[in-house]
Structure formats: C-alpha cells, structure tokens
Amino acid sequence: MQPLSGHAVTPESPFTLVLSGGGLKGLAHIGVLRALDERGLTPDLVVGSSIGSLIGAAWAAGVPVRHMEARARMIRRRDVFQVAQPMLPSAACWLLHFIAANPSKF
C-alpha cells in the first residue's frame, strides 16, 4: 500500500509523530511506538495532547516501550473509574514519579 503522500518513511527520513488524546484508547500509542521501533524508525519530534502527551513525554524521557506496555497492562477497571477522586490519573503519577527519580534526563 502506497503512503498517501507518495513518500515512504525510511530510518533516514525525518518525521514528526503526533499522538492524540482519547483516554485509555490513547494507550494504543504505545503499540505505535513499538511498531516504529521494530522498523528502526525514530521520530525527530513527538507532540501530543492528553494521554498522547503523557505517552510521548515518557518515551522522550527514555522510558522503554516494554516498560510502558507492562505498566499499561497493570491498569484495571477499578483504576479507570476512580477518576472522580481528586487525584492525578495513574499514568500522570507514574510519569511524574519517573521524572522525579531521573532528574538528570531533564
């Protein structure tokens, strides 16, 4: 299948990865990062909103995709429906904890 732009992305070609929001559906972005990695493709720029910004920030901070996948698989239904409580969602807490534990990366 030919890309819409007519240009194939190769490991040498620069590209920007845009990750959207969408709540838990945004965890699919982890699979996108895995697929890019398997093909040797690394975006020059990653931008995102909502969950996409959290996934993109974790990736940019050096969190391995396999760790993100493992963390995402740990989310349970009860975790999702605790949103009404006055606290940060678990993904944001996880990212903030990673940043605090690895200040030299920032």
N, C-alpha and C. Protein backbone atom coordinates (compact mmCIF):
# COMPACT_ATOMS: atom_id res chain seq x y z
N MET A 1 0.83 -1.18 0.00
CA MET A 1 0.00 0.00 0.00
C MET A 1 0.88 1.24 0.00
N GLN A 2 0.62 2.13 -0.90
CA GLN A 2 1.41 3.36 -1.07
C GLN A 2 0.97 4.41 -0.05
N PRO A 3 1.92 5.06 0.65
CA PRO A 3 1.55 6.15 1.56
C PRO A 3 0.81 7.25 0.80
N LEU A 4 -0.11 7.95 1.48
CA LEU A 4 -0.89 8.99 0.83
C LEU A 4 -0.04 10.09 0.23
N SER A 5 1.06 10.43 0.89
CA SER A 5 1.90 11.50 0.38
C SER A 5 2.76 11.06 -0.79
N GLY A 6 2.86 9.75 -1.00
CA GLY A 6 3.70 9.25 -2.08
C GLY A 6 5.14 9.07 -1.67
N HIS A 7 5.48 9.36 -0.41
CA HIS A 7 6.84 9.24 0.09
C HIS A 7 6.88 8.23 1.23
N ALA A 8 7.72 7.23 1.09
CA ALA A 8 7.87 6.24 2.15
C ALA A 8 8.78 6.80 3.24
N VAL A 9 8.48 6.46 4.47
CA VAL A 9 9.33 6.87 5.59
C VAL A 9 10.42 5.83 5.74
N THR A 10 11.66 6.27 5.77
CA THR A 10 12.79 5.39 5.97
C THR A 10 13.50 5.80 7.25
N PRO A 11 14.38 4.94 7.78
CA PRO A 11 15.09 5.33 9.01
C PRO A 11 15.86 6.64 8.89
N GLU A 12 16.20 7.05 7.68
CA GLU A 12 16.95 8.29 7.49
C GLU A 12 16.05 9.52 7.32
N SER A 13 14.77 9.31 7.04
CA SER A 13 13.91 10.47 6.77
C SER A 13 13.32 11.03 8.06
N PRO A 14 13.38 12.36 8.21
CA PRO A 14 12.83 12.98 9.41
C PRO A 14 11.29 12.97 9.37
N PHE A 15 10.69 12.76 10.54
CA PHE A 15 9.23 12.84 10.62
C PHE A 15 8.82 13.20 12.03
N THR A 16 7.61 13.72 12.15
CA THR A 16 7.03 14.09 13.44
C THR A 16 5.93 13.11 13.77
N LEU A 17 5.91 12.63 15.00
CA LEU A 17 4.87 11.73 15.47
C LEU A 17 3.88 12.55 16.30
N VAL A 18 2.60 12.48 15.93
CA VAL A 18 1.55 13.22 16.62
C VAL A 18 0.66 12.21 17.34
N LEU A 19 0.57 12.34 18.67
CA LEU A 19 -0.22 11.43 19.48
C LEU A 19 -1.41 12.18 20.06
N SER A 20 -2.59 11.63 19.88
CA SER A 20 -3.81 12.32 20.30
C SER A 20 -4.24 11.92 21.70
N GLY A 21 -5.32 12.52 22.14
CA GLY A 21 -5.94 12.16 23.40
C GLY A 21 -6.90 10.99 23.19
N GLY A 22 -7.77 10.80 24.12
CA GLY A 22 -8.77 9.74 23.97
C GLY A 22 -8.83 8.80 25.15
N GLY A 23 -8.37 9.25 26.30
CA GLY A 23 -8.44 8.40 27.48
C GLY A 23 -7.63 7.13 27.32
N LEU A 24 -8.19 6.04 27.80
CA LEU A 24 -7.46 4.78 27.76
C LEU A 24 -7.19 4.30 26.34
N LYS A 25 -7.99 4.74 25.38
CA LYS A 25 -7.72 4.37 23.98
C LYS A 25 -6.35 4.89 23.55
N GLY A 26 -5.90 5.94 24.22
CA GLY A 26 -4.58 6.51 23.92
C GLY A 26 -3.43 5.59 24.26
N LEU A 27 -3.68 4.56 25.06
CA LEU A 27 -2.63 3.60 25.35
C LEU A 27 -2.20 2.85 24.09
N ALA A 28 -3.02 2.90 23.05
CA ALA A 28 -2.64 2.30 21.76
C ALA A 28 -1.40 2.98 21.19
N HIS A 29 -1.11 4.19 21.64
CA HIS A 29 0.10 4.87 21.17
C HIS A 29 1.36 4.09 21.53
N ILE A 30 1.30 3.33 22.60
CA ILE A 30 2.45 2.51 22.99
C ILE A 30 2.74 1.50 21.88
N GLY A 31 1.70 0.92 21.32
CA GLY A 31 1.86 -0.01 20.20
C GLY A 31 2.44 0.66 18.98
N VAL A 32 2.08 1.91 18.75
CA VAL A 32 2.65 2.67 17.63
C VAL A 32 4.15 2.85 17.84
N LEU A 33 4.54 3.21 19.05
CA LEU A 33 5.97 3.36 19.35
C LEU A 33 6.72 2.05 19.17
N ARG A 34 6.09 0.93 19.58
CA ARG A 34 6.73 -0.38 19.40
C ARG A 34 6.90 -0.69 17.92
N ALA A 35 5.85 -0.44 17.13
CA ALA A 35 5.92 -0.71 15.69
C ALA A 35 7.00 0.13 15.01
N LEU A 36 7.11 1.39 15.39
CA LEU A 36 8.15 2.25 14.82
C LEU A 36 9.53 1.72 15.19
N ASP A 37 9.69 1.34 16.46
CA ASP A 37 10.97 0.81 16.94
C ASP A 37 11.35 -0.47 16.18
N GLU A 38 10.39 -1.34 15.97
CA GLU A 38 10.66 -2.60 15.24
C GLU A 38 11.12 -2.34 13.81
N ARG A 39 10.73 -1.20 13.26
CA ARG A 39 11.10 -0.85 11.89
C ARG A 39 12.31 0.08 11.82
N GLY A 40 12.89 0.36 12.99
CA GLY A 40 14.07 1.22 13.04
C GLY A 40 13.77 2.69 12.78
N LEU A 41 12.51 3.10 13.02
CA LEU A 41 12.11 4.47 12.77
C LEU A 41 12.04 5.24 14.09
N THR A 42 12.71 6.38 14.13
CA THR A 42 12.71 7.22 15.32
C THR A 42 12.25 8.61 14.93
N PRO A 43 11.14 9.08 15.51
CA PRO A 43 10.68 10.43 15.16
C PRO A 43 11.65 11.50 15.65
N ASP A 44 11.73 12.58 14.87
CA ASP A 44 12.56 13.72 15.26
C ASP A 44 11.84 14.60 16.27
N LEU A 45 10.53 14.54 16.25
CA LEU A 45 9.72 15.35 17.13
C LEU A 45 8.48 14.56 17.50
N VAL A 46 8.11 14.60 18.77
CA VAL A 46 6.88 13.95 19.24
C VAL A 46 6.02 15.01 19.90
N VAL A 47 4.77 15.13 19.46
CA VAL A 47 3.83 16.06 20.06
C VAL A 47 2.57 15.29 20.42
N GLY A 48 1.86 15.75 21.43
CA GLY A 48 0.65 15.04 21.80
C GLY A 48 -0.24 15.88 22.68
N SER A 49 -1.45 15.38 22.85
CA SER A 49 -2.39 16.01 23.77
C SER A 49 -2.94 14.93 24.69
N SER A 50 -3.26 15.33 25.90
CA SER A 50 -3.86 14.44 26.89
C SER A 50 -3.00 13.19 27.07
N ILE A 51 -3.57 12.00 26.94
CA ILE A 51 -2.80 10.77 27.14
C ILE A 51 -1.65 10.68 26.14
N GLY A 52 -1.84 11.23 24.95
CA GLY A 52 -0.77 11.23 23.95
C GLY A 52 0.45 12.01 24.42
N SER A 53 0.21 13.10 25.16
CA SER A 53 1.34 13.87 25.66
C SER A 53 2.07 13.11 26.77
N LEU A 54 1.33 12.35 27.58
CA LEU A 54 1.96 11.55 28.63
C LEU A 54 2.80 10.42 28.04
N ILE A 55 2.25 9.73 27.05
CA ILE A 55 2.99 8.63 26.40
C ILE A 55 4.21 9.21 25.68
N GLY A 56 4.02 10.30 24.96
CA GLY A 56 5.13 10.93 24.24
C GLY A 56 6.22 11.43 25.18
N ALA A 57 5.82 12.01 26.31
CA ALA A 57 6.80 12.51 27.29
C ALA A 57 7.57 11.35 27.92
N ALA A 58 6.87 10.28 28.23
CA ALA A 58 7.56 9.11 28.81
C ALA A 58 8.58 8.56 27.81
N TRP A 59 8.18 8.45 26.55
CA TRP A 59 9.09 7.94 25.52
C TRP A 59 10.29 8.88 25.36
N ALA A 60 10.02 10.19 25.30
CA ALA A 60 11.10 11.17 25.13
C ALA A 60 12.04 11.16 26.33
N ALA A 61 11.52 10.80 27.51
CA ALA A 61 12.34 10.75 28.72
C ALA A 61 13.17 9.48 28.80
N GLY A 62 12.94 8.57 27.87
CA GLY A 62 13.74 7.35 27.84
C GLY A 62 13.10 6.13 28.46
N VAL A 63 11.81 6.21 28.79
CA VAL A 63 11.13 5.03 29.33
C VAL A 63 11.02 4.00 28.21
N PRO A 64 11.55 2.80 28.40
CA PRO A 64 11.46 1.78 27.35
C PRO A 64 10.01 1.41 27.05
N VAL A 65 9.72 1.16 25.79
CA VAL A 65 8.37 0.81 25.38
C VAL A 65 7.88 -0.42 26.13
N ARG A 66 8.75 -1.39 26.37
CA ARG A 66 8.32 -2.60 27.09
C ARG A 66 7.87 -2.27 28.51
N HIS A 67 8.47 -1.25 29.13
CA HIS A 67 8.04 -0.83 30.47
C HIS A 67 6.68 -0.15 30.41
N MET A 68 6.47 0.67 29.38
CA MET A 68 5.17 1.31 29.21
C MET A 68 4.09 0.26 28.98
N GLU A 69 4.41 -0.74 28.15
CA GLU A 69 3.44 -1.82 27.89
C GLU A 69 3.11 -2.56 29.18
N ALA A 70 4.11 -2.88 29.96
CA ALA A 70 3.88 -3.61 31.21
C ALA A 70 3.03 -2.79 32.16
N ARG A 71 3.31 -1.50 32.25
CA ARG A 71 2.53 -0.62 33.13
C ARG A 71 1.08 -0.51 32.65
N ALA A 72 0.90 -0.39 31.34
CA ALA A 72 -0.46 -0.28 30.79
C ALA A 72 -1.26 -1.55 31.06
N ARG A 73 -0.61 -2.70 30.99
CA ARG A 73 -1.31 -3.97 31.25
C ARG A 73 -1.72 -4.12 32.71
N MET A 74 -1.13 -3.33 33.58
CA MET A 74 -1.47 -3.40 35.01
C MET A 74 -2.73 -2.61 35.35
N ILE A 75 -3.19 -1.75 34.44
CA ILE A 75 -4.37 -0.93 34.71
C ILE A 75 -5.60 -1.83 34.73
N ARG A 76 -6.39 -1.69 35.77
CA ARG A 76 -7.61 -2.48 35.95
C ARG A 76 -8.83 -1.57 35.89
N ARG A 77 -9.96 -2.16 35.67
CA ARG A 77 -11.21 -1.41 35.57
C ARG A 77 -11.41 -0.48 36.77
N ARG A 78 -11.11 -0.96 37.97
CA ARG A 78 -11.31 -0.13 39.17
C ARG A 78 -10.41 1.10 39.14
N ASP A 79 -9.22 1.00 38.49
CA ASP A 79 -8.33 2.16 38.38
C ASP A 79 -8.95 3.25 37.50
N VAL A 80 -9.63 2.82 36.46
CA VAL A 80 -10.20 3.75 35.49
C VAL A 80 -11.34 4.55 36.11
N PHE A 81 -12.15 3.90 36.92
CA PHE A 81 -13.34 4.56 37.46
C PHE A 81 -13.09 5.29 38.76
N GLN A 82 -11.85 5.51 39.12
CA GLN A 82 -11.51 6.34 40.27
C GLN A 82 -11.25 7.78 39.86
N VAL A 83 -11.62 8.12 38.63
CA VAL A 83 -11.34 9.45 38.08
C VAL A 83 -12.02 10.54 38.90
N ALA A 84 -13.17 10.25 39.50
CA ALA A 84 -13.90 11.27 40.24
C ALA A 84 -13.17 11.70 41.51
N GLN A 85 -12.22 10.92 41.96
CA GLN A 85 -11.48 11.29 43.16
C GLN A 85 -10.50 12.42 42.83
N PRO A 86 -10.25 13.32 43.76
CA PRO A 86 -9.36 14.45 43.49
C PRO A 86 -7.89 14.02 43.52
N MET A 87 -7.48 13.34 42.46
CA MET A 87 -6.09 12.90 42.35
C MET A 87 -5.70 12.83 40.88
N LEU A 88 -4.43 12.81 40.62
CA LEU A 88 -3.95 12.67 39.25
C LEU A 88 -4.22 11.26 38.75
N PRO A 89 -4.55 11.09 37.47
CA PRO A 89 -4.68 9.74 36.93
C PRO A 89 -3.36 8.98 37.10
N SER A 90 -3.44 7.67 37.18
CA SER A 90 -2.25 6.87 37.46
C SER A 90 -1.14 7.06 36.43
N ALA A 91 -1.49 7.28 35.17
CA ALA A 91 -0.45 7.48 34.15
C ALA A 91 0.35 8.75 34.44
N ALA A 92 -0.35 9.81 34.86
CA ALA A 92 0.35 11.05 35.17
C ALA A 92 1.23 10.88 36.41
N CYS A 93 0.72 10.17 37.41
CA CYS A 93 1.51 9.92 38.63
C CYS A 93 2.76 9.13 38.29
N TRP A 94 2.60 8.14 37.45
CA TRP A 94 3.73 7.29 37.04
C TRP A 94 4.78 8.13 36.33
N LEU A 95 4.35 9.01 35.42
CA LEU A 95 5.29 9.84 34.69
C LEU A 95 5.99 10.82 35.62
N LEU A 96 5.24 11.45 36.51
CA LEU A 96 5.86 12.39 37.45
C LEU A 96 6.85 11.68 38.37
N HIS A 97 6.53 10.48 38.80
CA HIS A 97 7.45 9.70 39.62
C HIS A 97 8.73 9.39 38.85
N PHE A 98 8.59 9.02 37.56
CA PHE A 98 9.76 8.73 36.74
C PHE A 98 10.65 9.97 36.60
N ILE A 99 10.03 11.11 36.35
CA ILE A 99 10.79 12.35 36.20
C ILE A 99 11.53 12.68 37.50
N ALA A 100 10.84 12.54 38.63
CA ALA A 100 11.47 12.83 39.92
C ALA A 100 12.63 11.89 40.21
N ALA A 101 12.50 10.64 39.79
CA ALA A 101 13.54 9.66 40.04
C ALA A 101 14.72 9.76 39.09
N ASN A 102 14.53 10.47 37.97
CA ASN A 102 15.56 10.58 36.94
C ASN A 102 15.79 12.03 36.53
N PRO A 103 16.10 12.92 37.46
CA PRO A 103 16.22 14.34 37.11
C PRO A 103 17.32 14.65 36.11
N SER A 104 18.32 13.81 36.02
CA SER A 104 19.42 14.08 35.09
C SER A 104 18.99 13.98 33.63
N LYS A 105 17.86 13.35 33.36
CA LYS A 105 17.37 13.22 31.99
C LYS A 105 16.65 14.47 31.51
N PHE A 106 16.44 15.43 32.43
CA PHE A 106 15.64 16.60 32.07
C PHE A 106 16.40 17.87 32.18
